[in-house]
N, C-alpha and C. Protein backbone atom coordinates (compact mmCIF):
# COMPACT_ATOMS: atom_id res chain seq x y z
N MET A 1 0.85 -1.17 0.00
CA MET A 1 0.00 0.00 0.00
C MET A 1 0.90 1.24 0.00
N ASN A 2 0.64 2.16 -0.88
CA ASN A 2 1.37 3.43 -0.91
C ASN A 2 0.59 4.47 -0.14
N LEU A 3 1.22 5.03 0.89
CA LEU A 3 0.61 6.09 1.68
C LEU A 3 1.28 7.41 1.30
N LYS A 4 0.52 8.49 1.35
CA LYS A 4 1.03 9.79 0.96
C LYS A 4 0.72 10.80 2.06
N PHE A 5 1.74 11.54 2.53
CA PHE A 5 1.52 12.59 3.51
C PHE A 5 0.68 13.68 2.88
N THR A 6 -0.39 14.05 3.57
CA THR A 6 -1.27 15.11 3.07
C THR A 6 -1.12 16.38 3.89
N LYS A 7 -1.23 16.25 5.22
CA LYS A 7 -1.06 17.41 6.09
C LYS A 7 -1.00 16.96 7.53
N THR A 8 -0.52 17.83 8.40
CA THR A 8 -0.54 17.61 9.83
C THR A 8 -1.80 18.26 10.38
N ILE A 9 -2.54 17.51 11.19
CA ILE A 9 -3.76 18.06 11.78
C ILE A 9 -3.70 17.92 13.29
N THR A 10 -4.47 18.74 13.99
CA THR A 10 -4.57 18.62 15.43
C THR A 10 -5.74 17.72 15.77
N TYR A 11 -5.74 17.21 16.99
CA TYR A 11 -6.81 16.31 17.44
C TYR A 11 -8.16 17.00 17.28
N GLY A 12 -9.07 16.34 16.62
CA GLY A 12 -10.42 16.87 16.46
C GLY A 12 -10.61 17.78 15.26
N GLU A 13 -9.51 18.22 14.64
CA GLU A 13 -9.63 19.07 13.45
C GLU A 13 -10.23 18.23 12.32
N PRO A 14 -11.30 18.69 11.71
CA PRO A 14 -11.92 17.89 10.65
C PRO A 14 -10.92 17.54 9.55
N PHE A 15 -10.93 16.28 9.16
CA PHE A 15 -10.10 15.83 8.05
C PHE A 15 -10.88 14.77 7.31
N PHE A 16 -11.01 14.94 6.01
CA PHE A 16 -11.86 14.06 5.22
C PHE A 16 -11.05 13.20 4.26
N ILE A 17 -11.39 11.94 4.21
CA ILE A 17 -10.86 11.00 3.23
C ILE A 17 -12.06 10.46 2.48
N GLN A 18 -12.13 10.71 1.22
CA GLN A 18 -13.27 10.32 0.38
C GLN A 18 -14.59 10.76 1.03
N ASP A 19 -14.65 12.04 1.41
CA ASP A 19 -15.84 12.68 2.00
C ASP A 19 -16.24 12.10 3.35
N ILE A 20 -15.34 11.41 4.04
CA ILE A 20 -15.64 10.87 5.37
C ILE A 20 -14.70 11.54 6.37
N ASN A 21 -15.29 12.18 7.39
CA ASN A 21 -14.49 12.81 8.44
C ASN A 21 -13.91 11.70 9.31
N ILE A 22 -12.57 11.63 9.41
CA ILE A 22 -11.94 10.53 10.13
C ILE A 22 -12.27 10.52 11.62
N TRP A 23 -12.64 11.67 12.19
CA TRP A 23 -12.91 11.74 13.63
C TRP A 23 -14.33 11.29 13.99
N THR A 24 -15.19 11.11 13.01
CA THR A 24 -16.56 10.68 13.32
C THR A 24 -16.74 9.18 13.11
N GLN A 25 -15.64 8.49 12.80
CA GLN A 25 -15.71 7.06 12.54
C GLN A 25 -15.17 6.26 13.73
N GLU A 26 -15.72 5.07 13.92
CA GLU A 26 -15.18 4.17 14.93
C GLU A 26 -14.00 3.43 14.29
N TRP A 27 -12.84 3.49 14.96
CA TRP A 27 -11.65 2.86 14.44
C TRP A 27 -11.40 1.55 15.17
N LYS A 28 -10.95 0.55 14.45
CA LYS A 28 -10.60 -0.74 15.03
C LYS A 28 -9.16 -1.04 14.67
N SER A 29 -8.40 -1.48 15.66
CA SER A 29 -7.00 -1.79 15.43
C SER A 29 -6.86 -3.04 14.57
N THR A 30 -5.95 -2.98 13.62
CA THR A 30 -5.64 -4.14 12.79
C THR A 30 -4.40 -4.85 13.32
N GLY A 31 -3.72 -4.20 14.28
CA GLY A 31 -2.48 -4.74 14.80
C GLY A 31 -1.28 -4.37 13.95
N GLU A 32 -1.51 -3.76 12.80
CA GLU A 32 -0.41 -3.35 11.93
C GLU A 32 0.11 -1.99 12.36
N LYS A 33 1.39 -1.75 12.09
CA LYS A 33 2.01 -0.47 12.44
C LYS A 33 2.81 0.05 11.26
N ILE A 34 2.99 1.36 11.23
CA ILE A 34 3.83 1.99 10.21
C ILE A 34 4.76 2.98 10.91
N ASP A 35 5.88 3.27 10.29
CA ASP A 35 6.78 4.33 10.74
C ASP A 35 6.60 5.49 9.79
N VAL A 36 6.42 6.69 10.35
CA VAL A 36 6.19 7.88 9.53
C VAL A 36 7.29 8.88 9.82
N LYS A 37 7.95 9.35 8.77
CA LYS A 37 8.97 10.39 8.93
C LYS A 37 8.30 11.75 8.90
N ASP A 38 8.73 12.62 9.80
CA ASP A 38 8.24 13.99 9.82
C ASP A 38 8.63 14.64 8.49
N PRO A 39 7.68 15.28 7.80
CA PRO A 39 7.98 15.85 6.48
C PRO A 39 8.94 17.04 6.53
N ILE A 40 9.11 17.65 7.69
CA ILE A 40 10.04 18.78 7.80
C ILE A 40 11.40 18.33 8.33
N TYR A 41 11.39 17.56 9.42
CA TYR A 41 12.64 17.17 10.07
C TYR A 41 13.19 15.82 9.60
N HIS A 42 12.39 15.09 8.85
CA HIS A 42 12.80 13.80 8.27
C HIS A 42 13.32 12.82 9.32
N ARG A 43 12.68 12.81 10.48
CA ARG A 43 13.05 11.85 11.55
C ARG A 43 11.87 10.99 11.87
């Protein structure tokens, strides 16, 4: 799966993926993890 950095958001700030606000959805853990590099500091 290719993931693309879109923006940094604060907790509760509306953010939509395919017209769905991610904060209004119930999330379930898949047990999978990813490492994300900060787009500015690259760490």
